[in-house]
Amino acid sequence: MNDDASTFDLPNISTPVSSPQITIDFPERHEEYAILKENLPFGEEHILNYVTDFLQQAHSADERYTVRDGIKHRALCHEAQGHGKRVGRGRGPFRLRTAILQTLGEEALRYVPRA
């Protein structure tokens, strides 16, 4: 961008050298649970465990779902409760399953914890 002598053309470098990548492992279960708990302070214990179990199942299959996805689908369930759509404690897994379907898609349902 400078027109003076302080600029020069970069040599033709191969893509792997010019585009470094950093790989970060997914959090351990207890770390993921702590992140969810911090971001969802009013989340019920059984729901936080359900979401954590879902994420851990997905990680074991090398799926790219993150704790951010867990927060989104838990927040969707909380929103449904606030609009009078509560289906009761016994149906909580159904509500979470529906939230996973709506936020992550049908392919994510294979990682839903079995009751």
PDB file of N, CA and C in Angstrom:
ATOM      1  N   MET A   1       0.811  -1.188   0.000  1.00  0.00           N
ATOM      2  CA  MET A   1       0.000   0.000   0.000  1.00  0.00           C
ATOM      3  C   MET A   1       0.863   1.265   0.000  1.00  0.00           C
ATOM      4  N   ASN A   2       2.083   1.136   0.483  1.00  0.00           N
ATOM      5  CA  ASN A   2       2.984   2.288   0.431  1.00  0.00           C
ATOM      6  C   ASN A   2       3.671   2.329  -0.929  1.00  0.00           C
ATOM      7  N   ASP A   3       3.848   3.510  -1.449  1.00  0.00           N
ATOM      8  CA  ASP A   3       4.508   3.652  -2.740  1.00  0.00           C
ATOM      9  C   ASP A   3       5.999   3.895  -2.615  1.00  0.00           C
ATOM     10  N   ASP A   4       6.519   3.882  -1.409  1.00  0.00           N
ATOM     11  CA  ASP A   4       7.947   4.160  -1.250  1.00  0.00           C
ATOM     12  C   ASP A   4       8.767   2.873  -1.283  1.00  0.00           C
ATOM     13  N   ALA A   5      10.022   2.968  -1.071  1.00  0.00           N
ATOM     14  CA  ALA A   5      10.927   1.832  -1.163  1.00  0.00           C
ATOM     15  C   ALA A   5      10.812   0.868   0.024  1.00  0.00           C
ATOM     16  N   SER A   6      10.002   1.212   1.042  1.00  0.00           N
ATOM     17  CA  SER A   6       9.884   0.341   2.214  1.00  0.00           C
ATOM     18  C   SER A   6       8.988  -0.868   1.961  1.00  0.00           C
ATOM     19  N   THR A   7       8.359  -0.933   0.823  1.00  0.00           N
ATOM     20  CA  THR A   7       7.497  -2.069   0.515  1.00  0.00           C
ATOM     21  C   THR A   7       8.182  -2.992  -0.484  1.00  0.00           C
ATOM     22  N   PHE A   8       7.801  -4.242  -0.437  1.00  0.00           N
ATOM     23  CA  PHE A   8       8.350  -5.212  -1.378  1.00  0.00           C
ATOM     24  C   PHE A   8       7.333  -6.313  -1.588  1.00  0.00           C
ATOM     25  N   ASP A   9       7.468  -7.024  -2.671  1.00  0.00           N
ATOM     26  CA  ASP A   9       6.580  -8.135  -2.975  1.00  0.00           C
ATOM     27  C   ASP A   9       6.989  -9.346  -2.156  1.00  0.00           C
ATOM     28  N   LEU A  10       5.980 -10.067  -1.688  1.00  0.00           N
ATOM     29  CA  LEU A  10       6.253 -11.310  -0.975  1.00  0.00           C
ATOM     30  C   LEU A  10       6.593 -12.395  -1.984  1.00  0.00           C
ATOM     31  N   PRO A  11       7.528 -13.253  -1.654  1.00  0.00           N
ATOM     32  CA  PRO A  11       7.822 -14.361  -2.559  1.00  0.00           C
ATOM     33  C   PRO A  11       6.643 -15.323  -2.615  1.00  0.00           C
ATOM     34  N   ASN A  12       6.561 -16.097  -3.646  1.00  0.00           N
ATOM     35  CA  ASN A  12       5.506 -17.081  -3.800  1.00  0.00           C
ATOM     36  C   ASN A  12       5.741 -18.205  -2.787  1.00  0.00           C
ATOM     37  N   ILE A  13       4.920 -18.242  -1.753  1.00  0.00           N
ATOM     38  CA  ILE A  13       5.059 -19.235  -0.676  1.00  0.00           C
ATOM     39  C   ILE A  13       3.890 -20.198  -0.764  1.00  0.00           C
ATOM     40  N   SER A  14       4.147 -21.453  -0.489  1.00  0.00           N
ATOM     41  CA  SER A  14       3.075 -22.449  -0.547  1.00  0.00           C
ATOM     42  C   SER A  14       2.029 -22.165   0.535  1.00  0.00           C
ATOM     43  N   THR A  15       0.816 -22.596   0.303  1.00  0.00           N
ATOM     44  CA  THR A  15      -0.315 -22.326   1.197  1.00  0.00           C
ATOM     45  C   THR A  15      -0.103 -22.809   2.627  1.00  0.00           C
ATOM     46  N   PRO A  16       0.385 -24.039   2.879  1.00  0.00           N
ATOM     47  CA  PRO A  16       0.539 -24.470   4.273  1.00  0.00           C
ATOM     48  C   PRO A  16       1.460 -23.561   5.095  1.00  0.00           C
ATOM     49  N   VAL A  17       2.467 -22.999   4.482  1.00  0.00           N
ATOM     50  CA  VAL A  17       3.381 -22.132   5.208  1.00  0.00           C
ATOM     51  C   VAL A  17       2.754 -20.763   5.448  1.00  0.00           C
ATOM     52  N   SER A  18       2.025 -20.259   4.469  1.00  0.00           N
ATOM     53  CA  SER A  18       1.458 -18.919   4.585  1.00  0.00           C
ATOM     54  C   SER A  18       0.134 -18.894   5.342  1.00  0.00           C
ATOM     55  N   SER A  19      -0.492 -20.054   5.574  1.00  0.00           N
ATOM     56  CA  SER A  19      -1.775 -20.117   6.287  1.00  0.00           C
ATOM     57  C   SER A  19      -1.678 -21.098   7.455  1.00  0.00           C
ATOM     58  N   PRO A  20      -1.014 -20.695   8.515  1.00  0.00           N
ATOM     59  CA  PRO A  20      -0.885 -21.612   9.653  1.00  0.00           C
ATOM     60  C   PRO A  20      -2.241 -21.888  10.296  1.00  0.00           C
ATOM     61  N   GLN A  21      -2.388 -23.051  10.870  1.00  0.00           N
ATOM     62  CA  GLN A  21      -3.622 -23.430  11.549  1.00  0.00           C
ATOM     63  C   GLN A  21      -3.294 -23.836  12.975  1.00  0.00           C
ATOM     64  N   ILE A  22      -4.186 -23.477  13.870  1.00  0.00           N
ATOM     65  CA  ILE A  22      -4.048 -23.862  15.264  1.00  0.00           C
ATOM     66  C   ILE A  22      -5.185 -24.823  15.580  1.00  0.00           C
ATOM     67  N   THR A  23      -4.855 -25.972  16.125  1.00  0.00           N
ATOM     68  CA  THR A  23      -5.855 -26.947  16.502  1.00  0.00           C
ATOM     69  C   THR A  23      -6.008 -26.936  18.017  1.00  0.00           C
ATOM     70  N   ILE A  24      -7.234 -26.786  18.470  1.00  0.00           N
ATOM     71  CA  ILE A  24      -7.530 -26.769  19.898  1.00  0.00           C
ATOM     72  C   ILE A  24      -8.495 -27.906  20.190  1.00  0.00           C
ATOM     73  N   ASP A  25      -8.164 -28.729  21.166  1.00  0.00           N
ATOM     74  CA  ASP A  25      -9.044 -29.829  21.545  1.00  0.00           C
ATOM     75  C   ASP A  25     -10.301 -29.297  22.223  1.00  0.00           C
ATOM     76  N   PHE A  26     -11.352 -30.104  22.190  1.00  0.00           N
ATOM     77  CA  PHE A  26     -12.570 -29.757  22.904  1.00  0.00           C
ATOM     78  C   PHE A  26     -12.311 -29.838  24.398  1.00  0.00           C
ATOM     79  N   PRO A  27     -13.096 -29.108  25.190  1.00  0.00           N
ATOM     80  CA  PRO A  27     -12.919 -29.168  26.637  1.00  0.00           C
ATOM     81  C   PRO A  27     -13.274 -30.544  27.191  1.00  0.00           C
ATOM     82  N   GLU A  28     -12.678 -30.861  28.326  1.00  0.00           N
ATOM     83  CA  GLU A  28     -13.065 -32.082  29.051  1.00  0.00           C
ATOM     84  C   GLU A  28     -14.490 -31.881  29.575  1.00  0.00           C
ATOM     85  N   ARG A  29     -15.128 -32.986  29.987  1.00  0.00           N
ATOM     86  CA  ARG A  29     -16.524 -32.912  30.430  1.00  0.00           C
ATOM     87  C   ARG A  29     -16.704 -31.893  31.552  1.00  0.00           C
ATOM     88  N   HIS A  30     -15.870 -31.956  32.571  1.00  0.00           N
ATOM     89  CA  HIS A  30     -16.039 -31.047  33.713  1.00  0.00           C
ATOM     90  C   HIS A  30     -15.817 -29.581  33.302  1.00  0.00           C
ATOM     91  N   GLU A  31     -14.926 -29.352  32.338  1.00  0.00           N
ATOM     92  CA  GLU A  31     -14.698 -27.991  31.853  1.00  0.00           C
ATOM     93  C   GLU A  31     -15.908 -27.483  31.057  1.00  0.00           C
ATOM     94  N   GLU A  32     -16.447 -28.370  30.228  1.00  0.00           N
ATOM     95  CA  GLU A  32     -17.602 -27.995  29.414  1.00  0.00           C
ATOM     96  C   GLU A  32     -18.814 -27.701  30.301  1.00  0.00           C
ATOM     97  N   TYR A  33     -18.988 -28.543  31.315  1.00  0.00           N
ATOM     98  CA  TYR A  33     -20.083 -28.321  32.262  1.00  0.00           C
ATOM     99  C   TYR A  33     -19.913 -26.965  32.954  1.00  0.00           C
ATOM    100  N   ALA A  34     -18.699 -26.642  33.381  1.00  0.00           N
ATOM    101  CA  ALA A  34     -18.426 -25.368  34.063  1.00  0.00           C
ATOM    102  C   ALA A  34     -18.715 -24.180  33.144  1.00  0.00           C
ATOM    103  N   ILE A  35     -18.381 -24.303  31.862  1.00  0.00           N
ATOM    104  CA  ILE A  35     -18.666 -23.226  30.904  1.00  0.00           C
ATOM    105  C   ILE A  35     -20.174 -23.035  30.759  1.00  0.00           C
ATOM    106  N   LEU A  36     -20.913 -24.146  30.637  1.00  0.00           N
ATOM    107  CA  LEU A  36     -22.368 -24.057  30.538  1.00  0.00           C
ATOM    108  C   LEU A  36     -22.959 -23.429  31.790  1.00  0.00           C
ATOM    109  N   LYS A  37     -22.489 -23.883  32.952  1.00  0.00           N
ATOM    110  CA  LYS A  37     -23.002 -23.370  34.227  1.00  0.00           C
ATOM    111  C   LYS A  37     -22.758 -21.864  34.350  1.00  0.00           C
ATOM    112  N   GLU A  38     -21.599 -21.413  33.915  1.00  0.00           N
ATOM    113  CA  GLU A  38     -21.259 -19.992  33.975  1.00  0.00           C
ATOM    114  C   GLU A  38     -22.153 -19.166  33.053  1.00  0.00           C
ATOM    115  N   ASN A  39     -22.456 -19.697  31.875  1.00  0.00           N
ATOM    116  CA  ASN A  39     -23.249 -18.962  30.891  1.00  0.00           C
ATOM    117  C   ASN A  39     -24.751 -19.142  31.062  1.00  0.00           C
ATOM    118  N   LEU A  40     -25.143 -20.160  31.798  1.00  0.00           N
ATOM    119  CA  LEU A  40     -26.560 -20.441  32.060  1.00  0.00           C
ATOM    120  C   LEU A  40     -26.752 -20.610  33.567  1.00  0.00           C
ATOM    121  N   PRO A  41     -26.563 -19.546  34.349  1.00  0.00           N
ATOM    122  CA  PRO A  41     -26.550 -19.679  35.810  1.00  0.00           C
ATOM    123  C   PRO A  41     -27.851 -20.202  36.407  1.00  0.00           C
ATOM    124  N   PHE A  42     -28.962 -20.070  35.708  1.00  0.00           N
ATOM    125  CA  PHE A  42     -30.231 -20.554  36.229  1.00  0.00           C
ATOM    126  C   PHE A  42     -30.617 -21.905  35.626  1.00  0.00           C
ATOM    127  N   GLY A  43     -29.682 -22.509  34.902  1.00  0.00           N
ATOM    128  CA  GLY A  43     -29.945 -23.810  34.288  1.00  0.00           C
ATOM    129  C   GLY A  43     -30.078 -24.895  35.338  1.00  0.00           C
ATOM    130  N   GLU A  44     -31.071 -25.731  35.178  1.00  0.00           N
ATOM    131  CA  GLU A  44     -31.275 -26.834  36.102  1.00  0.00           C
ATOM    132  C   GLU A  44     -30.165 -27.864  35.920  1.00  0.00           C
ATOM    133  N   GLU A  45     -29.773 -28.489  37.015  1.00  0.00           N
ATOM    134  CA  GLU A  45     -28.660 -29.446  37.026  1.00  0.00           C
ATOM    135  C   GLU A  45     -28.837 -30.547  35.984  1.00  0.00           C
ATOM    136  N   HIS A  46     -30.026 -31.158  35.940  1.00  0.00           N
ATOM    137  CA  HIS A  46     -30.238 -32.271  35.010  1.00  0.00           C
ATOM    138  C   HIS A  46     -30.170 -31.803  33.551  1.00  0.00           C
ATOM    139  N   ILE A  47     -30.566 -30.575  33.289  1.00  0.00           N
ATOM    140  CA  ILE A  47     -30.505 -30.063  31.919  1.00  0.00           C
ATOM    141  C   ILE A  47     -29.059 -29.761  31.525  1.00  0.00           C
ATOM    142  N   LEU A  48     -28.303 -29.161  32.427  1.00  0.00           N
ATOM    143  CA  LEU A  48     -26.888 -28.893  32.139  1.00  0.00           C
ATOM    144  C   LEU A  48     -26.138 -30.204  31.894  1.00  0.00           C
ATOM    145  N   ASN A  49     -26.445 -31.232  32.673  1.00  0.00           N
ATOM    146  CA  ASN A  49     -25.817 -32.537  32.458  1.00  0.00           C
ATOM    147  C   ASN A  49     -26.229 -33.126  31.119  1.00  0.00           C
ATOM    148  N   TYR A  50     -27.494 -32.974  30.758  1.00  0.00           N
ATOM    149  CA  TYR A  50     -28.003 -33.481  29.476  1.00  0.00           C
ATOM    150  C   TYR A  50     -27.258 -32.832  28.314  1.00  0.00           C
ATOM    151  N   VAL A  51     -27.127 -31.511  28.369  1.00  0.00           N
ATOM    152  CA  VAL A  51     -26.450 -30.782  27.295  1.00  0.00           C
ATOM    153  C   VAL A  51     -24.974 -31.167  27.248  1.00  0.00           C
ATOM    154  N   THR A  52     -24.344 -31.279  28.403  1.00  0.00           N
ATOM    155  CA  THR A  52     -22.934 -31.684  28.459  1.00  0.00           C
ATOM    156  C   THR A  52     -22.753 -33.082  27.887  1.00  0.00           C
ATOM    157  N   ASP A  53     -23.648 -33.996  28.226  1.00  0.00           N
ATOM    158  CA  ASP A  53     -23.571 -35.358  27.681  1.00  0.00           C
ATOM    159  C   ASP A  53     -23.718 -35.344  26.161  1.00  0.00           C
ATOM    160  N   PHE A  54     -24.646 -34.532  25.656  1.00  0.00           N
ATOM    161  CA  PHE A  54     -24.818 -34.410  24.207  1.00  0.00           C
ATOM    162  C   PHE A  54     -23.508 -33.963  23.559  1.00  0.00           C
ATOM    163  N   LEU A  55     -22.913 -32.910  24.100  1.00  0.00           N
ATOM    164  CA  LEU A  55     -21.682 -32.374  23.512  1.00  0.00           C
ATOM    165  C   LEU A  55     -20.545 -33.389  23.586  1.00  0.00           C
ATOM    166  N   GLN A  56     -20.427 -34.093  24.693  1.00  0.00           N
ATOM    167  CA  GLN A  56     -19.357 -35.074  24.827  1.00  0.00           C
ATOM    168  C   GLN A  56     -19.531 -36.229  23.831  1.00  0.00           C
ATOM    169  N   GLN A  57     -20.774 -36.654  23.624  1.00  0.00           N
ATOM    170  CA  GLN A  57     -21.037 -37.700  22.620  1.00  0.00           C
ATOM    171  C   GLN A  57     -20.616 -37.225  21.232  1.00  0.00           C
ATOM    172  N   ALA A  58     -20.961 -35.987  20.922  1.00  0.00           N
ATOM    173  CA  ALA A  58     -20.620 -35.433  19.603  1.00  0.00           C
ATOM    174  C   ALA A  58     -19.103 -35.308  19.455  1.00  0.00           C
ATOM    175  N   HIS A  59     -18.416 -34.881  20.500  1.00  0.00           N
ATOM    176  CA  HIS A  59     -16.955 -34.747  20.434  1.00  0.00           C
ATOM    177  C   HIS A  59     -16.294 -36.095  20.192  1.00  0.00           C
ATOM    178  N   SER A  60     -16.823 -37.146  20.817  1.00  0.00           N
ATOM    179  CA  SER A  60     -16.213 -38.469  20.650  1.00  0.00           C
ATOM    180  C   SER A  60     -16.320 -38.962  19.212  1.00  0.00           C
ATOM    181  N   ALA A  61     -17.254 -38.390  18.446  1.00  0.00           N
ATOM    182  CA  ALA A  61     -17.407 -38.736  17.036  1.00  0.00           C
ATOM    183  C   ALA A  61     -16.757 -37.685  16.135  1.00  0.00           C
ATOM    184  N   ASP A  62     -15.927 -36.821  16.722  1.00  0.00           N
ATOM    185  CA  ASP A  62     -15.235 -35.751  15.987  1.00  0.00           C
ATOM    186  C   ASP A  62     -16.172 -34.775  15.293  1.00  0.00           C
ATOM    187  N   GLU A  63     -17.366 -34.589  15.852  1.00  0.00           N
ATOM    188  CA  GLU A  63     -18.276 -33.568  15.340  1.00  0.00           C
ATOM    189  C   GLU A  63     -17.816 -32.218  15.864  1.00  0.00           C
ATOM    190  N   ARG A  64     -18.118 -31.177  15.134  1.00  0.00           N
ATOM    191  CA  ARG A  64     -17.632 -29.845  15.469  1.00  0.00           C
ATOM    192  C   ARG A  64     -18.607 -29.036  16.315  1.00  0.00           C
ATOM    193  N   TYR A  65     -19.530 -29.669  17.014  1.00  0.00           N
ATOM    194  CA  TYR A  65     -20.438 -28.931  17.883  1.00  0.00           C
ATOM    195  C   TYR A  65     -19.642 -28.398  19.072  1.00  0.00           C
ATOM    196  N   THR A  66     -19.985 -27.192  19.485  1.00  0.00           N
ATOM    197  CA  THR A  66     -19.239 -26.547  20.559  1.00  0.00           C
ATOM    198  C   THR A  66     -20.144 -26.228  21.733  1.00  0.00           C
ATOM    199  N   VAL A  67     -19.531 -25.794  22.816  1.00  0.00           N
ATOM    200  CA  VAL A  67     -20.306 -25.388  23.981  1.00  0.00           C
ATOM    201  C   VAL A  67     -21.228 -24.223  23.626  1.00  0.00           C
ATOM    202  N   ARG A  68     -20.850 -23.413  22.654  1.00  0.00           N
ATOM    203  CA  ARG A  68     -21.726 -22.329  22.187  1.00  0.00           C
ATOM    204  C   ARG A  68     -23.027 -22.905  21.622  1.00  0.00           C
ATOM    205  N   ASP A  69     -22.940 -24.031  20.906  1.00  0.00           N
ATOM    206  CA  ASP A  69     -24.148 -24.692  20.410  1.00  0.00           C
ATOM    207  C   ASP A  69     -25.008 -25.171  21.575  1.00  0.00           C
ATOM    208  N   GLY A  70     -24.358 -25.688  22.615  1.00  0.00           N
ATOM    209  CA  GLY A  70     -25.088 -26.131  23.805  1.00  0.00           C
ATOM    210  C   GLY A  70     -25.819 -24.992  24.480  1.00  0.00           C
ATOM    211  N   ILE A  71     -25.170 -23.852  24.561  1.00  0.00           N
ATOM    212  CA  ILE A  71     -25.800 -22.678  25.170  1.00  0.00           C
ATOM    213  C   ILE A  71     -26.998 -22.235  24.335  1.00  0.00           C
ATOM    214  N   LYS A  72     -26.854 -22.270  23.007  1.00  0.00           N
ATOM    215  CA  LYS A  72     -27.955 -21.859  22.129  1.00  0.00           C
ATOM    216  C   LYS A  72     -29.171 -22.753  22.304  1.00  0.00           C
ATOM    217  N   HIS A  73     -28.965 -24.071  22.302  1.00  0.00           N
ATOM    218  CA  HIS A  73     -30.163 -24.908  22.367  1.00  0.00           C
ATOM    219  C   HIS A  73     -30.746 -24.944  23.758  1.00  0.00           C
ATOM    220  N   ARG A  74     -29.941 -24.733  24.795  1.00  0.00           N
ATOM    221  CA  ARG A  74     -30.500 -24.609  26.143  1.00  0.00           C
ATOM    222  C   ARG A  74     -31.290 -23.298  26.262  1.00  0.00           C
ATOM    223  N   ALA A  75     -30.774 -22.238  25.676  1.00  0.00           N
ATOM    224  CA  ALA A  75     -31.472 -20.946  25.717  1.00  0.00           C
ATOM    225  C   ALA A  75     -32.813 -21.039  24.987  1.00  0.00           C
ATOM    226  N   LEU A  76     -32.860 -21.789  23.897  1.00  0.00           N
ATOM    227  CA  LEU A  76     -34.109 -21.967  23.162  1.00  0.00           C
ATOM    228  C   LEU A  76     -35.147 -22.660  24.037  1.00  0.00           C
ATOM    229  N   CYS A  77     -34.728 -23.652  24.809  1.00  0.00           N
ATOM    230  CA  CYS A  77     -35.654 -24.338  25.721  1.00  0.00           C
ATOM    231  C   CYS A  77     -36.161 -23.378  26.784  1.00  0.00           C
ATOM    232  N   HIS A  78     -35.260 -22.572  27.311  1.00  0.00           N
ATOM    233  CA  HIS A  78     -35.639 -21.599  28.329  1.00  0.00           C
ATOM    234  C   HIS A  78     -36.642 -20.602  27.764  1.00  0.00           C
ATOM    235  N   GLU A  79     -36.442 -20.176  26.526  1.00  0.00           N
ATOM    236  CA  GLU A  79     -37.358 -19.245  25.875  1.00  0.00           C
ATOM    237  C   GLU A  79     -38.734 -19.879  25.699  1.00  0.00           C
ATOM    238  N   ALA A  80     -38.763 -21.142  25.320  1.00  0.00           N
ATOM    239  CA  ALA A  80     -40.044 -21.844  25.155  1.00  0.00           C
ATOM    240  C   ALA A  80     -40.798 -21.901  26.480  1.00  0.00           C
ATOM    241  N   GLN A  81     -40.074 -22.111  27.576  1.00  0.00           N
ATOM    242  CA  GLN A  81     -40.711 -22.137  28.888  1.00  0.00           C
ATOM    243  C   GLN A  81     -41.330 -20.780  29.199  1.00  0.00           C
ATOM    244  N   GLY A  82     -40.628 -19.721  28.862  1.00  0.00           N
ATOM    245  CA  GLY A  82     -41.100 -18.369  29.143  1.00  0.00           C
ATOM    246  C   GLY A  82     -42.339 -17.986  28.353  1.00  0.00           C
ATOM    247  N   HIS A  83     -42.598 -18.684  27.254  1.00  0.00           N
ATOM    248  CA  HIS A  83     -43.766 -18.381  26.426  1.00  0.00           C
ATOM    249  C   HIS A  83     -44.914 -19.367  26.674  1.00  0.00           C
ATOM    250  N   GLY A  84     -44.894 -19.995  27.838  1.00  0.00           N
ATOM    251  CA  GLY A  84     -46.000 -20.888  28.191  1.00  0.00           C
ATOM    252  C   GLY A  84     -45.968 -22.215  27.474  1.00  0.00           C
ATOM    253  N   LYS A  85     -44.835 -22.589  26.902  1.00  0.00           N
ATOM    254  CA  LYS A  85     -44.743 -23.842  26.159  1.00  0.00           C
ATOM    255  C   LYS A  85     -44.095 -24.940  26.991  1.00  0.00           C
ATOM    256  N   ARG A  86     -44.058 -24.750  28.280  1.00  0.00           N
ATOM    257  CA  ARG A  86     -43.413 -25.723  29.154  1.00  0.00           C
ATOM    258  C   ARG A  86     -44.137 -27.054  29.044  1.00  0.00           C
ATOM    259  N   VAL A  87     -43.383 -28.103  28.910  1.00  0.00           N
ATOM    260  CA  VAL A  87     -43.988 -29.419  28.754  1.00  0.00           C
ATOM    261  C   VAL A  87     -43.804 -30.277  29.986  1.00  0.00           C
ATOM    262  N   GLY A  88     -43.292 -29.695  31.054  1.00  0.00           N
ATOM    263  CA  GLY A  88     -43.166 -30.435  32.308  1.00  0.00           C
ATOM    264  C   GLY A  88     -41.815 -31.091  32.472  1.00  0.00           C
ATOM    265  N   ARG A  89     -41.454 -31.302  33.714  1.00  0.00           N
ATOM    266  CA  ARG A  89     -40.145 -31.863  34.046  1.00  0.00           C
ATOM    267  C   ARG A  89     -39.936 -33.236  33.423  1.00  0.00           C
ATOM    268  N   GLY A  90     -40.942 -34.065  33.434  1.00  0.00           N
ATOM    269  CA  GLY A  90     -40.825 -35.403  32.872  1.00  0.00           C
ATOM    270  C   GLY A  90     -40.591 -35.395  31.369  1.00  0.00           C
ATOM    271  N   ARG A  91     -40.964 -34.332  30.711  1.00  0.00           N
ATOM    272  CA  ARG A  91     -40.799 -34.236  29.266  1.00  0.00           C
ATOM    273  C   ARG A  91     -39.592 -33.384  28.889  1.00  0.00           C
ATOM    274  N   GLY A  92     -38.758 -33.028  29.878  1.00  0.00           N
ATOM    275  CA  GLY A  92     -37.585 -32.200  29.637  1.00  0.00           C
ATOM    276  C   GLY A  92     -36.701 -32.703  28.517  1.00  0.00           C
ATOM    277  N   PRO A  93     -36.375 -34.005  28.494  1.00  0.00           N
ATOM    278  CA  PRO A  93     -35.548 -34.500  27.380  1.00  0.00           C
ATOM    279  C   PRO A  93     -36.193 -34.283  26.018  1.00  0.00           C
ATOM    280  N   PHE A  94     -37.531 -34.377  25.954  1.00  0.00           N
ATOM    281  CA  PHE A  94     -38.212 -34.107  24.684  1.00  0.00           C
ATOM    282  C   PHE A  94     -38.009 -32.651  24.283  1.00  0.00           C
ATOM    283  N   ARG A  95     -38.131 -31.749  25.250  1.00  0.00           N
ATOM    284  CA  ARG A  95     -37.958 -30.319  24.981  1.00  0.00           C
ATOM    285  C   ARG A  95     -36.528 -30.046  24.511  1.00  0.00           C
ATOM    286  N   LEU A  96     -35.537 -30.658  25.164  1.00  0.00           N
ATOM    287  CA  LEU A  96     -34.145 -30.472  24.764  1.00  0.00           C
ATOM    288  C   LEU A  96     -33.888 -31.086  23.396  1.00  0.00           C
ATOM    289  N   ARG A  97     -34.466 -32.242  23.136  1.00  0.00           N
ATOM    290  CA  ARG A  97     -34.315 -32.891  21.831  1.00  0.00           C
ATOM    291  C   ARG A  97     -34.853 -31.978  20.729  1.00  0.00           C
ATOM    292  N   THR A  98     -36.004 -31.355  20.988  1.00  0.00           N
ATOM    293  CA  THR A  98     -36.594 -30.432  20.027  1.00  0.00           C
ATOM    294  C   THR A  98     -35.688 -29.223  19.813  1.00  0.00           C
ATOM    295  N   ALA A  99     -35.097 -28.720  20.890  1.00  0.00           N
ATOM    296  CA  ALA A  99     -34.192 -27.570  20.772  1.00  0.00           C
ATOM    297  C   ALA A  99     -32.958 -27.933  19.955  1.00  0.00           C
ATOM    298  N   ILE A 100     -32.421 -29.137  20.161  1.00  0.00           N
ATOM    299  CA  ILE A 100     -31.271 -29.590  19.379  1.00  0.00           C
ATOM    300  C   ILE A 100     -31.652 -29.657  17.903  1.00  0.00           C
ATOM    301  N   LEU A 101     -32.801 -30.206  17.622  1.00  0.00           N
ATOM    302  CA  LEU A 101     -33.280 -30.302  16.247  1.00  0.00           C
ATOM    303  C   LEU A 101     -33.402 -28.917  15.608  1.00  0.00           C
ATOM    304  N   GLN A 102     -33.952 -27.954  16.343  1.00  0.00           N
ATOM    305  CA  GLN A 102     -34.175 -26.622  15.783  1.00  0.00           C
ATOM    306  C   GLN A 102     -32.890 -25.815  15.640  1.00  0.00           C
ATOM    307  N   THR A 103     -31.919 -26.006  16.527  1.00  0.00           N
ATOM    308  CA  THR A 103     -30.708 -25.193  16.448  1.00  0.00           C
ATOM    309  C   THR A 103     -29.591 -25.844  15.648  1.00  0.00           C
ATOM    310  N   LEU A 104     -29.492 -27.178  15.690  1.00  0.00           N
ATOM    311  CA  LEU A 104     -28.359 -27.856  15.063  1.00  0.00           C
ATOM    312  C   LEU A 104     -28.744 -28.737  13.880  1.00  0.00           C
ATOM    313  N   GLY A 105     -30.020 -29.057  13.750  1.00  0.00           N
ATOM    314  CA  GLY A 105     -30.464 -29.871  12.627  1.00  0.00           C
ATOM    315  C   GLY A 105     -30.610 -31.339  12.981  1.00  0.00           C
ATOM    316  N   GLU A 106     -31.250 -32.048  12.086  1.00  0.00           N
ATOM    317  CA  GLU A 106     -31.593 -33.456  12.319  1.00  0.00           C
ATOM    318  C   GLU A 106     -30.372 -34.351  12.510  1.00  0.00           C
ATOM    319  N   GLU A 107     -29.268 -34.025  11.818  1.00  0.00           N
ATOM    320  CA  GLU A 107     -28.077 -34.867  11.924  1.00  0.00           C
ATOM    321  C   GLU A 107     -27.501 -34.873  13.344  1.00  0.00           C
ATOM    322  N   ALA A 108     -27.806 -33.852  14.136  1.00  0.00           N
ATOM    323  CA  ALA A 108     -27.302 -33.777  15.510  1.00  0.00           C
ATOM    324  C   ALA A 108     -28.045 -34.717  16.450  1.00  0.00           C
ATOM    325  N   LEU A 109     -29.219 -35.188  16.064  1.00  0.00           N
ATOM    326  CA  LEU A 109     -30.024 -36.024  16.955  1.00  0.00           C
ATOM    327  C   LEU A 109     -29.345 -37.356  17.297  1.00  0.00           C
ATOM    328  N   ARG A 110     -28.391 -37.785  16.484  1.00  0.00           N
ATOM    329  CA  ARG A 110     -27.715 -39.056  16.781  1.00  0.00           C
ATOM    330  C   ARG A 110     -26.882 -38.991  18.056  1.00  0.00           C
ATOM    331  N   TYR A 111     -26.640 -37.772  18.557  1.00  0.00           N
ATOM    332  CA  TYR A 111     -25.825 -37.598  19.772  1.00  0.00           C
ATOM    333  C   TYR A 111     -26.663 -37.267  21.002  1.00  0.00           C
ATOM    334  N   VAL A 112     -27.987 -37.312  20.857  1.00  0.00           N
ATOM    335  CA  VAL A 112     -28.872 -37.046  21.987  1.00  0.00           C
ATOM    336  C   VAL A 112     -28.725 -38.194  22.980  1.00  0.00           C
ATOM    337  N   PRO A 113     -28.449 -37.869  24.249  1.00  0.00           N
ATOM    338  CA  PRO A 113     -28.314 -38.926  25.259  1.00  0.00           C
ATOM    339  C   PRO A 113     -29.589 -39.747  25.387  1.00  0.00           C
ATOM    340  N   ARG A 114     -29.416 -41.012  25.538  1.00  0.00           N
ATOM    341  CA  ARG A 114     -30.560 -41.913  25.714  1.00  0.00           C
ATOM    342  C   ARG A 114     -30.998 -41.880  27.174  1.00  0.00           C
ATOM    343  N   ALA A 115     -32.310 -41.821  27.393  1.00  0.00           N
ATOM    344  CA  ALA A 115     -32.820 -41.777  28.775  1.00  0.00           C
ATOM    345  C   ALA A 115     -32.787 -43.148  29.411  1.00  0.00           C
TER     346      ALA A 115
END
